[in-house]
Structure formats: structure tokens, C-alpha cells
Amino acid sequence: MMILGLVRWMQPVHGYDVRRELLSWSADKWANVQPGSIYHALRKLTEEGLLRTVATEQVGARPARTTYEVTPKGDEEFETLLRAQWWRLNEVSDPFAAAFSFLPAMPREEAAAALRNRANLLRAGVESMRASWDSDWLRRSKPVHVAWMFELWVARAEAEVAWCGRIAERIESGVSYLPAGVDGTEGWPGWTDGGPSPDRKSNNQS
């Protein structure tokens, strides 16, 4: 959607300019658009009839540049993709969620320290976003809605900072990770509840 939408906005446009614009948006960080895949995506969209080539130019010894524009089929596809993302709630894949599901495998002290470190990293990110948010660069060179997107990212990060602090305190308090009313770990022999595993205990004792 990102590449199709940019060609639609900037057409007729070279692939180089599409890549440069996406990099200026840092789309590789928040939209999973990798710089090395942009030219391949342009060719694929052309093969699928969503884009068409307008011209191919070569200046001196520079690589040839192809100019693209959106086809009527591409316009329709962009509108469909755009509204699907506006009206649908998509779960974001976060590797930390997978790691957090194994919280009992982490020593409590380390888990709490890692959460506080995560909070510090998030705070640094918030400070950076706020600096961009308040900068002349954003006010004078970007559409207003870009600042609104920064506002969303800051709100999410600040919410996670607060969550990290709360959970770190609960972990340090020694609260059991087991469901209420469950006394043992039958069926979960590898469960450690935030301490060293039985094997590691025996190894340390020996």
C-alpha cells in the first residue's frame, strides 16, 4: 500500500524518488518497507497491472531510471487497501510479547531490571519523538497529520513505560505467577516461577 500510494501521490515518478521519499519517512521502521525491496515491489506492481511504466531514461553513466504511474486497477486496489487499514484493527506482531510469555523462566531480579531498562529505552524514544514533534523541520516541511502520527507513537510509548514500571514492581514483590488457586506446577515440569531451574540449582550445589 505504501509504495502504491506514493506513486499515486507523486506520479509520474522515478523509483529512485519513491525510495528517497520512503526513507525520509523512516518507513522501514514503522511500515516494514525495506529500502532494498522497493524496486522489486515496483516491478511486481507493474507485472500485476497496478502500475505502468511511462518512460525509461538514462543520463550519462548513471543507471537507467524508470518512471511509473498508477493504472485505474492500481487506483482501485489502493482505495481498497487504504480503507481496509482504516476500518480494521490489526494486531501488531511484537517479539517482546513472545519473550514475555516465558516470564517464569527469567530470574525475578533480571526480569524486573530488563523491564526498567525497556522503560528507559522507550523514554529515550519519546524524547526523540517529542524533539521532532516540536521542531521546525516537522512544522514547516511535513503535513499536519504527520505530527498527529507522532502524537500516537508518543502516547503508546508512554503507556508502555508506565506498564513496565507496574509489572517490575509486581515481579519484585514476589507475587506468584501461577493462576489463583493453583498450588503446584503439575503438567509444567519446566516451570520455575522466576527462580533458577531445578537442574541449575543442582548444578550450582554440586
N, C-alpha and C. Protein backbone atom coordinates (compact mmCIF):
# COMPACT_ATOMS: atom_id res chain seq x y z
N MET A 1 0.82 -1.20 0.00
CA MET A 1 0.00 0.00 0.00
C MET A 1 0.86 1.27 0.00
N MET A 2 1.96 1.25 0.78
CA MET A 2 2.81 2.44 0.88
C MET A 2 3.37 2.84 -0.48
N ILE A 3 3.91 1.87 -1.20
CA ILE A 3 4.54 2.17 -2.49
C ILE A 3 3.49 2.60 -3.51
N LEU A 4 2.40 1.88 -3.53
CA LEU A 4 1.31 2.21 -4.45
C LEU A 4 0.79 3.62 -4.17
N GLY A 5 0.61 3.93 -2.89
CA GLY A 5 0.10 5.25 -2.53
C GLY A 5 1.06 6.37 -2.87
N LEU A 6 2.36 6.12 -2.68
CA LEU A 6 3.35 7.16 -3.01
C LEU A 6 3.42 7.43 -4.50
N VAL A 7 3.38 6.36 -5.29
CA VAL A 7 3.39 6.57 -6.75
C VAL A 7 2.14 7.37 -7.15
N ARG A 8 1.03 7.06 -6.52
CA ARG A 8 -0.22 7.77 -6.82
C ARG A 8 -0.11 9.25 -6.50
N TRP A 9 0.55 9.59 -5.38
CA TRP A 9 0.72 10.98 -4.98
C TRP A 9 1.70 11.72 -5.87
N MET A 10 2.79 11.05 -6.27
CA MET A 10 3.91 11.74 -6.90
C MET A 10 3.97 11.55 -8.42
N GLN A 11 3.08 10.77 -8.98
CA GLN A 11 3.18 10.37 -10.39
C GLN A 11 3.15 11.56 -11.35
N PRO A 12 3.87 11.38 -12.48
CA PRO A 12 4.80 10.29 -12.81
C PRO A 12 6.07 10.43 -11.98
N VAL A 13 6.61 9.29 -11.53
CA VAL A 13 7.72 9.36 -10.58
C VAL A 13 8.71 8.24 -10.82
N HIS A 14 9.99 8.56 -10.64
CA HIS A 14 11.05 7.55 -10.72
C HIS A 14 11.04 6.68 -9.47
N GLY A 15 11.48 5.44 -9.63
CA GLY A 15 11.63 4.57 -8.47
C GLY A 15 12.59 5.15 -7.45
N TYR A 16 13.62 5.84 -7.91
CA TYR A 16 14.59 6.46 -7.00
C TYR A 16 13.90 7.46 -6.08
N ASP A 17 12.98 8.25 -6.62
CA ASP A 17 12.30 9.26 -5.81
C ASP A 17 11.32 8.61 -4.83
N VAL A 18 10.72 7.50 -5.22
CA VAL A 18 9.85 6.76 -4.30
C VAL A 18 10.69 6.26 -3.12
N ARG A 19 11.84 5.69 -3.42
CA ARG A 19 12.72 5.17 -2.37
C ARG A 19 13.18 6.30 -1.45
N ARG A 20 13.59 7.42 -2.02
CA ARG A 20 14.06 8.55 -1.22
C ARG A 20 12.96 9.08 -0.30
N GLU A 21 11.74 9.14 -0.82
CA GLU A 21 10.64 9.64 0.00
C GLU A 21 10.33 8.70 1.15
N LEU A 22 10.31 7.40 0.87
CA LEU A 22 10.03 6.42 1.92
C LEU A 22 11.11 6.45 3.01
N LEU A 23 12.36 6.63 2.60
CA LEU A 23 13.44 6.73 3.58
C LEU A 23 13.30 7.99 4.43
N SER A 24 12.84 9.07 3.82
CA SER A 24 12.65 10.31 4.58
C SER A 24 11.52 10.17 5.59
N TRP A 25 10.61 9.23 5.34
CA TRP A 25 9.52 8.94 6.28
C TRP A 25 9.95 7.92 7.34
N SER A 26 11.15 7.35 7.20
CA SER A 26 11.60 6.24 8.07
C SER A 26 10.61 5.09 8.03
N ALA A 27 10.06 4.84 6.84
CA ALA A 27 9.03 3.80 6.70
C ALA A 27 9.57 2.40 6.96
N ASP A 28 10.89 2.24 6.88
CA ASP A 28 11.47 0.93 7.18
C ASP A 28 11.30 0.57 8.65
N LYS A 29 11.11 1.58 9.51
CA LYS A 29 10.99 1.33 10.94
C LYS A 29 9.56 1.05 11.38
N TRP A 30 8.57 1.70 10.75
CA TRP A 30 7.20 1.56 11.25
C TRP A 30 6.24 0.96 10.23
N ALA A 31 6.65 0.81 8.99
CA ALA A 31 5.74 0.25 7.98
C ALA A 31 6.31 -1.02 7.33
N ASN A 32 7.46 -1.48 7.83
CA ASN A 32 8.08 -2.70 7.32
C ASN A 32 8.33 -2.63 5.82
N VAL A 33 8.71 -1.45 5.34
CA VAL A 33 9.08 -1.28 3.93
C VAL A 33 10.60 -1.18 3.88
N GLN A 34 11.25 -2.22 3.40
CA GLN A 34 12.71 -2.25 3.38
C GLN A 34 13.23 -1.58 2.11
N PRO A 35 14.23 -0.70 2.23
CA PRO A 35 14.74 0.03 1.06
C PRO A 35 15.13 -0.89 -0.10
N GLY A 36 15.74 -2.04 0.22
CA GLY A 36 16.20 -2.93 -0.83
C GLY A 36 15.09 -3.61 -1.60
N SER A 37 13.87 -3.56 -1.07
CA SER A 37 12.75 -4.26 -1.72
C SER A 37 11.90 -3.34 -2.58
N ILE A 38 12.19 -2.04 -2.57
CA ILE A 38 11.31 -1.08 -3.23
C ILE A 38 11.29 -1.26 -4.75
N TYR A 39 12.46 -1.42 -5.36
CA TYR A 39 12.49 -1.57 -6.82
C TYR A 39 11.82 -2.88 -7.24
N HIS A 40 12.05 -3.94 -6.46
CA HIS A 40 11.38 -5.21 -6.75
C HIS A 40 9.87 -5.04 -6.65
N ALA A 41 9.41 -4.32 -5.63
CA ALA A 41 7.97 -4.10 -5.45
C ALA A 41 7.39 -3.30 -6.62
N LEU A 42 8.12 -2.31 -7.09
CA LEU A 42 7.64 -1.52 -8.24
C LEU A 42 7.48 -2.41 -9.47
N ARG A 43 8.45 -3.29 -9.70
CA ARG A 43 8.36 -4.20 -10.85
C ARG A 43 7.18 -5.16 -10.70
N LYS A 44 6.99 -5.67 -9.47
CA LYS A 44 5.91 -6.61 -9.22
C LYS A 44 4.55 -5.94 -9.40
N LEU A 45 4.41 -4.73 -8.91
CA LEU A 45 3.17 -4.00 -9.06
C LEU A 45 2.89 -3.72 -10.54
N THR A 46 3.96 -3.51 -11.30
CA THR A 46 3.80 -3.30 -12.74
C THR A 46 3.34 -4.59 -13.42
N GLU A 47 3.95 -5.71 -13.04
CA GLU A 47 3.54 -7.00 -13.60
C GLU A 47 2.08 -7.33 -13.28
N GLU A 48 1.62 -6.88 -12.13
CA GLU A 48 0.24 -7.15 -11.72
C GLU A 48 -0.76 -6.17 -12.32
N GLY A 49 -0.25 -5.21 -13.09
CA GLY A 49 -1.14 -4.26 -13.76
C GLY A 49 -1.59 -3.12 -12.87
N LEU A 50 -0.97 -2.95 -11.71
CA LEU A 50 -1.35 -1.87 -10.80
C LEU A 50 -0.58 -0.58 -11.10
N LEU A 51 0.61 -0.73 -11.69
CA LEU A 51 1.41 0.40 -12.18
C LEU A 51 1.71 0.19 -13.65
N ARG A 52 2.10 1.27 -14.30
CA ARG A 52 2.61 1.13 -15.67
C ARG A 52 3.82 2.03 -15.81
N THR A 53 4.73 1.62 -16.68
CA THR A 53 5.93 2.41 -16.93
C THR A 53 5.60 3.49 -17.96
N VAL A 54 6.04 4.69 -17.67
CA VAL A 54 5.81 5.81 -18.57
C VAL A 54 7.00 6.00 -19.50
N ALA A 55 8.21 5.88 -18.92
CA ALA A 55 9.43 6.05 -19.71
C ALA A 55 10.60 5.48 -18.94
N THR A 56 11.66 5.18 -19.68
CA THR A 56 12.93 4.77 -19.08
C THR A 56 14.02 5.66 -19.63
N GLU A 57 14.74 6.34 -18.74
CA GLU A 57 15.73 7.32 -19.15
C GLU A 57 17.10 6.92 -18.60
N GLN A 58 18.14 7.30 -19.33
CA GLN A 58 19.49 7.08 -18.85
C GLN A 58 20.30 8.33 -19.14
N VAL A 59 20.88 8.89 -18.06
CA VAL A 59 21.68 10.10 -18.19
C VAL A 59 23.13 9.75 -17.94
N GLY A 60 23.97 9.88 -18.95
CA GLY A 60 25.38 9.57 -18.82
C GLY A 60 25.60 8.12 -18.40
N ALA A 61 26.48 7.93 -17.43
CA ALA A 61 26.81 6.58 -16.98
C ALA A 61 25.92 6.12 -15.83
N ARG A 62 24.94 6.94 -15.45
CA ARG A 62 24.06 6.58 -14.35
C ARG A 62 23.15 5.42 -14.75
N PRO A 63 22.69 4.64 -13.76
CA PRO A 63 21.73 3.57 -14.08
C PRO A 63 20.46 4.14 -14.68
N ALA A 64 19.83 3.37 -15.54
CA ALA A 64 18.58 3.81 -16.16
C ALA A 64 17.51 3.99 -15.08
N ARG A 65 16.69 5.03 -15.27
CA ARG A 65 15.60 5.30 -14.33
C ARG A 65 14.26 5.14 -15.05
N THR A 66 13.41 4.35 -14.42
CA THR A 66 12.08 4.11 -14.98
C THR A 66 11.06 4.98 -14.26
N THR A 67 10.19 5.60 -15.01
CA THR A 67 9.14 6.44 -14.45
C THR A 67 7.84 5.66 -14.42
N TYR A 68 7.13 5.73 -13.28
CA TYR A 68 5.90 4.96 -13.09
C TYR A 68 4.71 5.86 -12.85
N GLU A 69 3.53 5.32 -13.17
CA GLU A 69 2.28 5.93 -12.75
C GLU A 69 1.27 4.84 -12.46
N VAL A 70 0.22 5.19 -11.75
CA VAL A 70 -0.77 4.21 -11.32
C VAL A 70 -1.81 4.00 -12.41
N THR A 71 -2.20 2.75 -12.60
CA THR A 71 -3.26 2.41 -13.55
C THR A 71 -4.63 2.52 -12.85
N PRO A 72 -5.72 2.52 -13.61
CA PRO A 72 -7.04 2.50 -12.97
C PRO A 72 -7.21 1.32 -12.02
N LYS A 73 -6.67 0.16 -12.38
CA LYS A 73 -6.70 -1.00 -11.49
C LYS A 73 -5.91 -0.72 -10.21
N GLY A 74 -4.79 -0.01 -10.35
CA GLY A 74 -3.98 0.34 -9.18
C GLY A 74 -4.69 1.31 -8.27
N ASP A 75 -5.42 2.27 -8.88
CA ASP A 75 -6.21 3.21 -8.09
C ASP A 75 -7.24 2.47 -7.24
N GLU A 76 -7.91 1.53 -7.86
CA GLU A 76 -8.95 0.76 -7.16
C GLU A 76 -8.33 -0.08 -6.04
N GLU A 77 -7.18 -0.69 -6.31
CA GLU A 77 -6.52 -1.51 -5.30
C GLU A 77 -6.05 -0.65 -4.13
N PHE A 78 -5.52 0.52 -4.41
CA PHE A 78 -5.07 1.41 -3.33
C PHE A 78 -6.24 1.81 -2.44
N GLU A 79 -7.36 2.18 -3.05
CA GLU A 79 -8.53 2.58 -2.27
C GLU A 79 -9.01 1.42 -1.39
N THR A 80 -8.97 0.21 -1.91
CA THR A 80 -9.39 -0.96 -1.13
C THR A 80 -8.45 -1.19 0.05
N LEU A 81 -7.14 -1.15 -0.21
CA LEU A 81 -6.16 -1.38 0.85
C LEU A 81 -6.21 -0.27 1.91
N LEU A 82 -6.37 0.95 1.46
CA LEU A 82 -6.40 2.08 2.38
C LEU A 82 -7.56 1.96 3.36
N ARG A 83 -8.74 1.70 2.84
CA ARG A 83 -9.91 1.62 3.72
C ARG A 83 -9.91 0.38 4.60
N ALA A 84 -9.30 -0.68 4.11
CA ALA A 84 -9.19 -1.88 4.94
C ALA A 84 -8.37 -1.59 6.19
N GLN A 85 -7.32 -0.77 6.07
CA GLN A 85 -6.48 -0.46 7.23
C GLN A 85 -7.13 0.60 8.13
N TRP A 86 -7.92 1.47 7.56
CA TRP A 86 -8.59 2.48 8.37
C TRP A 86 -9.71 1.88 9.22
N TRP A 87 -10.41 0.89 8.68
CA TRP A 87 -11.61 0.37 9.34
C TRP A 87 -11.39 -0.94 10.09
N ARG A 88 -10.18 -1.50 10.00
CA ARG A 88 -9.90 -2.77 10.64
C ARG A 88 -8.85 -2.58 11.72
N LEU A 89 -9.00 -3.32 12.83
CA LEU A 89 -8.00 -3.29 13.89
C LEU A 89 -7.07 -4.47 13.70
N ASN A 90 -5.79 -4.19 13.44
CA ASN A 90 -4.81 -5.25 13.23
C ASN A 90 -3.91 -5.39 14.44
N GLU A 91 -3.71 -6.62 14.87
CA GLU A 91 -2.78 -6.86 15.97
C GLU A 91 -1.34 -6.72 15.47
N VAL A 92 -0.55 -5.99 16.21
CA VAL A 92 0.85 -5.77 15.84
C VAL A 92 1.70 -6.91 16.39
N SER A 93 2.52 -7.50 15.53
CA SER A 93 3.42 -8.57 15.97
C SER A 93 4.59 -7.97 16.72
N ASP A 94 4.77 -8.39 17.98
CA ASP A 94 5.84 -7.85 18.81
C ASP A 94 6.64 -9.00 19.41
N PRO A 95 7.91 -9.16 19.03
CA PRO A 95 8.72 -10.26 19.59
C PRO A 95 8.80 -10.23 21.11
N PHE A 96 8.66 -9.05 21.71
CA PHE A 96 8.71 -8.97 23.17
C PHE A 96 7.54 -9.74 23.81
N ALA A 97 6.39 -9.74 23.15
CA ALA A 97 5.24 -10.48 23.68
C ALA A 97 5.56 -11.97 23.77
N ALA A 98 6.27 -12.48 22.78
CA ALA A 98 6.66 -13.90 22.81
C ALA A 98 7.61 -14.16 23.97
N ALA A 99 8.56 -13.26 24.18
CA ALA A 99 9.52 -13.42 25.26
C ALA A 99 8.82 -13.29 26.63
N PHE A 100 7.88 -12.35 26.72
CA PHE A 100 7.20 -12.12 28.00
C PHE A 100 6.33 -13.31 28.39
N SER A 101 5.87 -14.09 27.41
CA SER A 101 5.05 -15.27 27.74
C SER A 101 5.86 -16.31 28.51
N PHE A 102 7.20 -16.21 28.47
CA PHE A 102 8.06 -17.11 29.23
C PHE A 102 8.67 -16.39 30.44
N LEU A 103 7.95 -15.43 30.98
CA LEU A 103 8.42 -14.69 32.15
C LEU A 103 8.92 -15.60 33.27
N PRO A 104 8.23 -16.70 33.60
CA PRO A 104 8.72 -17.53 34.71
C PRO A 104 10.11 -18.12 34.50
N ALA A 105 10.59 -18.15 33.26
CA ALA A 105 11.93 -18.68 33.00
C ALA A 105 13.03 -17.68 33.35
N MET A 106 12.63 -16.43 33.62
CA MET A 106 13.61 -15.39 33.95
C MET A 106 13.72 -15.24 35.47
N PRO A 107 14.93 -15.12 36.00
CA PRO A 107 15.06 -14.76 37.42
C PRO A 107 14.34 -13.44 37.67
N ARG A 108 13.66 -13.35 38.79
CA ARG A 108 12.85 -12.16 39.05
C ARG A 108 13.66 -10.87 38.99
N GLU A 109 14.85 -10.88 39.59
CA GLU A 109 15.67 -9.67 39.60
C GLU A 109 16.02 -9.23 38.19
N GLU A 110 16.35 -10.20 37.34
CA GLU A 110 16.71 -9.86 35.96
C GLU A 110 15.50 -9.37 35.19
N ALA A 111 14.34 -10.03 35.38
CA ALA A 111 13.13 -9.63 34.66
C ALA A 111 12.74 -8.20 35.01
N ALA A 112 12.78 -7.87 36.30
CA ALA A 112 12.44 -6.51 36.72
C ALA A 112 13.43 -5.50 36.14
N ALA A 113 14.72 -5.84 36.17
CA ALA A 113 15.74 -4.93 35.63
C ALA A 113 15.55 -4.75 34.12
N ALA A 114 15.20 -5.83 33.43
CA ALA A 114 15.00 -5.74 31.98
C ALA A 114 13.81 -4.85 31.65
N LEU A 115 12.75 -4.95 32.46
CA LEU A 115 11.58 -4.10 32.23
C LEU A 115 11.91 -2.63 32.47
N ARG A 116 12.70 -2.37 33.49
CA ARG A 116 13.08 -0.97 33.75
C ARG A 116 14.00 -0.44 32.65
N ASN A 117 14.85 -1.31 32.13
CA ASN A 117 15.70 -0.92 31.00
C ASN A 117 14.84 -0.63 29.77
N ARG A 118 13.83 -1.48 29.55
CA ARG A 118 12.92 -1.25 28.42
C ARG A 118 12.22 0.10 28.57
N ALA A 119 11.82 0.42 29.80
CA ALA A 119 11.18 1.70 30.04
C ALA A 119 12.13 2.86 29.72
N ASN A 120 13.41 2.71 30.09
CA ASN A 120 14.39 3.76 29.80
C ASN A 120 14.58 3.95 28.29
N LEU A 121 14.62 2.83 27.56
CA LEU A 121 14.77 2.92 26.11
C LEU A 121 13.55 3.59 25.48
N LEU A 122 12.37 3.26 26.00
CA LEU A 122 11.15 3.89 25.50
C LEU A 122 11.14 5.38 25.80
N ARG A 123 11.59 5.75 27.00
CA ARG A 123 11.65 7.18 27.35
C ARG A 123 12.58 7.94 26.40
N ALA A 124 13.71 7.32 26.07
CA ALA A 124 14.64 7.96 25.12
C ALA A 124 13.97 8.15 23.77
N GLY A 125 13.21 7.13 23.34
CA GLY A 125 12.48 7.25 22.09
C GLY A 125 11.44 8.36 22.14
N VAL A 126 10.75 8.48 23.28
CA VAL A 126 9.75 9.53 23.44
C VAL A 126 10.40 10.90 23.35
N GLU A 127 11.55 11.06 24.00
CA GLU A 127 12.26 12.36 23.95
C GLU A 127 12.64 12.71 22.52
N SER A 128 13.09 11.70 21.76
CA SER A 128 13.47 11.93 20.37
C SER A 128 12.25 12.32 19.55
N MET A 129 11.13 11.61 19.77
CA MET A 129 9.91 11.93 19.02
C MET A 129 9.38 13.30 19.38
N ARG A 130 9.46 13.65 20.66
CA ARG A 130 8.99 14.98 21.07
C ARG A 130 9.85 16.08 20.46
N ALA A 131 11.15 15.81 20.35
CA ALA A 131 12.04 16.80 19.72
C ALA A 131 11.66 17.01 18.26
N SER A 132 11.36 15.90 17.57
CA SER A 132 10.92 16.02 16.18
C SER A 132 9.56 16.70 16.10
N TRP A 133 8.69 16.33 17.02
CA TRP A 133 7.33 16.88 17.07
C TRP A 133 7.35 18.40 17.20
N ASP A 134 8.27 18.91 18.02
CA ASP A 134 8.34 20.35 18.29
C ASP A 134 9.26 21.11 17.34
N SER A 135 9.84 20.41 16.39
CA SER A 135 10.87 21.03 15.54
C SER A 135 10.28 21.80 14.37
N ASP A 136 11.06 22.75 13.88
CA ASP A 136 10.68 23.47 12.67
C ASP A 136 10.62 22.52 11.48
N TRP A 137 11.49 21.49 11.50
CA TRP A 137 11.50 20.50 10.41
C TRP A 137 10.12 19.90 10.21
N LEU A 138 9.47 19.56 11.30
CA LEU A 138 8.16 18.93 11.19
C LEU A 138 7.09 19.95 10.82
N ARG A 139 7.14 21.11 11.47
CA ARG A 139 6.09 22.12 11.24
C ARG A 139 6.14 22.69 9.83
N ARG A 140 7.36 22.84 9.30
CA ARG A 140 7.50 23.57 8.03
C ARG A 140 7.61 22.66 6.80
N SER A 141 7.97 21.37 7.03
CA SER A 141 8.21 20.54 5.85
C SER A 141 7.30 19.32 5.75
N LYS A 142 6.47 19.08 6.77
CA LYS A 142 5.62 17.89 6.74
C LYS A 142 4.15 18.28 6.92
N PRO A 143 3.25 17.49 6.33
CA PRO A 143 1.81 17.76 6.54
C PRO A 143 1.45 17.67 8.02
N VAL A 144 0.38 18.35 8.39
CA VAL A 144 -0.02 18.41 9.80
C VAL A 144 -0.27 17.03 10.37
N HIS A 145 -0.84 16.12 9.56
CA HIS A 145 -1.20 14.81 10.11
C HIS A 145 0.02 13.96 10.48
N VAL A 146 1.21 14.34 9.99
CA VAL A 146 2.42 13.62 10.40
C VAL A 146 2.69 13.87 11.88
N ALA A 147 2.46 15.09 12.35
CA ALA A 147 2.61 15.40 13.77
C ALA A 147 1.59 14.60 14.59
N TRP A 148 0.41 14.39 14.05
CA TRP A 148 -0.60 13.59 14.76
C TRP A 148 -0.16 12.15 14.90
N MET A 149 0.57 11.65 13.91
CA MET A 149 1.09 10.29 13.99
C MET A 149 2.16 10.20 15.10
N PHE A 150 3.00 11.22 15.20
CA PHE A 150 3.98 11.26 16.29
C PHE A 150 3.26 11.26 17.64
N GLU A 151 2.13 11.97 17.71
CA GLU A 151 1.36 12.02 18.94
C GLU A 151 0.88 10.62 19.34
N LEU A 152 0.46 9.83 18.36
CA LEU A 152 0.03 8.45 18.63
C LEU A 152 1.19 7.62 19.15
N TRP A 153 2.35 7.72 18.50
CA TRP A 153 3.52 6.93 18.91
C TRP A 153 3.96 7.30 20.32
N VAL A 154 3.93 8.58 20.65
CA VAL A 154 4.32 9.03 21.99
C VAL A 154 3.35 8.46 23.02
N ALA A 155 2.05 8.52 22.74
CA ALA A 155 1.05 8.02 23.68
C ALA A 155 1.24 6.53 23.93
N ARG A 156 1.49 5.76 22.88
CA ARG A 156 1.72 4.33 23.05
C ARG A 156 2.96 4.05 23.89
N ALA A 157 4.04 4.77 23.59
CA ALA A 157 5.29 4.54 24.31
C ALA A 157 5.15 4.91 25.78
N GLU A 158 4.47 6.02 26.07
CA GLU A 158 4.31 6.44 27.46
C GLU A 158 3.45 5.44 28.23
N ALA A 159 2.45 4.88 27.58
CA ALA A 159 1.62 3.86 28.22
C ALA A 159 2.45 2.63 28.55
N GLU A 160 3.36 2.24 27.65
CA GLU A 160 4.19 1.06 27.90
C GLU A 160 5.22 1.34 28.99
N VAL A 161 5.73 2.56 29.06
CA VAL A 161 6.66 2.92 30.13
C VAL A 161 5.99 2.72 31.48
N ALA A 162 4.77 3.19 31.61
CA ALA A 162 4.04 3.04 32.88
C ALA A 162 3.79 1.56 33.19
N TRP A 163 3.43 0.80 32.16
CA TRP A 163 3.19 -0.64 32.34
C TRP A 163 4.45 -1.35 32.81
N CYS A 164 5.60 -1.02 32.21
CA CYS A 164 6.87 -1.65 32.61
C CYS A 164 7.14 -1.43 34.09
N GLY A 165 6.90 -0.21 34.56
CA GLY A 165 7.14 0.08 35.97
C GLY A 165 6.22 -0.71 36.89
N ARG A 166 4.94 -0.80 36.52
CA ARG A 166 3.99 -1.54 37.36
C ARG A 166 4.35 -3.02 37.44
N ILE A 167 4.67 -3.62 36.30
CA ILE A 167 4.96 -5.05 36.28
C ILE A 167 6.27 -5.35 36.98
N ALA A 168 7.26 -4.48 36.83
CA ALA A 168 8.54 -4.68 37.53
C ALA A 168 8.31 -4.71 39.04
N GLU A 169 7.45 -3.82 39.54
CA GLU A 169 7.16 -3.80 40.97
C GLU A 169 6.46 -5.08 41.42
N ARG A 170 5.52 -5.58 40.63
CA ARG A 170 4.82 -6.82 40.97
C ARG A 170 5.78 -8.01 40.99
N ILE A 171 6.67 -8.05 40.02
CA ILE A 171 7.65 -9.15 39.96
C ILE A 171 8.52 -9.12 41.21
N GLU A 172 9.01 -7.95 41.57
CA GLU A 172 9.89 -7.81 42.74
C GLU A 172 9.16 -8.13 44.04
N SER A 173 7.85 -7.94 44.04
CA SER A 173 7.10 -8.22 45.27
C SER A 173 7.01 -9.70 45.58
N GLY A 174 7.34 -10.55 44.57
CA GLY A 174 7.32 -11.99 44.79
C GLY A 174 5.98 -12.63 44.53
N VAL A 175 5.02 -11.89 43.94
CA VAL A 175 3.72 -12.47 43.66
C VAL A 175 3.87 -13.70 42.78
N SER A 176 3.10 -14.74 43.05
CA SER A 176 3.19 -15.97 42.27
C SER A 176 2.68 -15.74 40.85
N TYR A 177 3.33 -16.39 39.89
CA TYR A 177 2.88 -16.30 38.50
C TYR A 177 1.78 -17.31 38.21
N LEU A 178 1.54 -18.24 39.11
CA LEU A 178 0.55 -19.29 38.88
C LEU A 178 -0.86 -18.74 38.98
N PRO A 179 -1.82 -19.38 38.27
CA PRO A 179 -3.22 -18.94 38.39
C PRO A 179 -3.70 -19.06 39.84
N ALA A 180 -4.66 -18.25 40.20
CA ALA A 180 -5.20 -18.28 41.56
C ALA A 180 -5.75 -19.67 41.87
N GLY A 181 -5.42 -20.17 43.04
CA GLY A 181 -5.92 -21.47 43.46
C GLY A 181 -5.08 -22.64 43.03
N VAL A 182 -4.03 -22.40 42.25
CA VAL A 182 -3.14 -23.48 41.80
C VAL A 182 -1.93 -23.51 42.72
N ASP A 183 -1.70 -24.63 43.37
CA ASP A 183 -0.62 -24.72 44.35
C ASP A 183 0.69 -25.26 43.78
N GLY A 184 0.59 -26.12 42.77
CA GLY A 184 1.80 -26.74 42.24
C GLY A 184 1.96 -26.50 40.77
N THR A 185 2.96 -27.13 40.19
CA THR A 185 3.25 -26.95 38.76
C THR A 185 3.10 -28.26 38.01
N GLU A 186 2.17 -29.11 38.46
CA GLU A 186 1.96 -30.39 37.78
C GLU A 186 1.57 -30.14 36.32
N GLY A 187 2.24 -30.84 35.43
CA GLY A 187 1.99 -30.65 34.00
C GLY A 187 2.93 -29.64 33.37
N TRP A 188 3.60 -28.85 34.20
CA TRP A 188 4.56 -27.86 33.70
C TRP A 188 5.90 -28.10 34.40
N PRO A 189 6.58 -29.18 34.11
CA PRO A 189 7.80 -29.52 34.86
C PRO A 189 8.92 -28.49 34.70
N GLY A 190 8.90 -27.71 33.65
CA GLY A 190 9.95 -26.72 33.46
C GLY A 190 9.66 -25.38 34.12
N TRP A 191 8.49 -25.27 34.79
CA TRP A 191 8.10 -24.00 35.42
C TRP A 191 9.03 -23.68 36.58
N THR A 192 9.53 -22.46 36.64
CA THR A 192 10.45 -22.08 37.71
C THR A 192 9.94 -20.92 38.56
N ASP A 193 8.88 -20.27 38.14
CA ASP A 193 8.28 -19.15 38.89
C ASP A 193 9.29 -18.05 39.20
N GLY A 194 10.18 -17.84 38.25
CA GLY A 194 11.10 -16.72 38.41
C GLY A 194 12.37 -17.02 39.16
N GLY A 195 12.64 -18.29 39.42
CA GLY A 195 13.88 -18.66 40.10
C GLY A 195 14.70 -19.57 39.22
N PRO A 196 15.86 -19.99 39.67
CA PRO A 196 16.67 -20.91 38.87
C PRO A 196 15.97 -22.25 38.72
N SER A 197 16.14 -22.90 37.58
CA SER A 197 15.50 -24.19 37.35
C SER A 197 16.12 -25.24 38.27
N PRO A 198 15.34 -26.35 38.51
CA PRO A 198 15.88 -27.39 39.39
C PRO A 198 17.25 -27.89 38.92
N ASP A 199 17.44 -28.06 37.62
CA ASP A 199 18.72 -28.53 37.11
C ASP A 199 19.85 -27.57 37.45
N ARG A 200 19.57 -26.29 37.29
CA ARG A 200 20.60 -25.29 37.57
C ARG A 200 20.91 -25.24 39.06
N LYS A 201 19.86 -25.46 39.89
CA LYS A 201 20.10 -25.49 41.33
C LYS A 201 21.05 -26.63 41.70
N SER A 202 20.75 -27.83 41.14
CA SER A 202 21.57 -28.99 41.49
C SER A 202 22.99 -28.82 40.98
N ASN A 203 23.12 -28.20 39.78
CA ASN A 203 24.45 -27.97 39.24
C ASN A 203 25.25 -27.00 40.10
N ASN A 204 24.51 -25.95 40.58
CA ASN A 204 25.20 -24.98 41.41
C ASN A 204 25.64 -25.58 42.74
N GLN A 205 24.77 -26.49 43.28
CA GLN A 205 25.10 -27.10 44.56
C GLN A 205 26.27 -28.07 44.45
N SER A 206 26.37 -28.71 43.29
CA SER A 206 27.45 -29.65 43.10
C SER A 206 28.75 -28.90 42.79
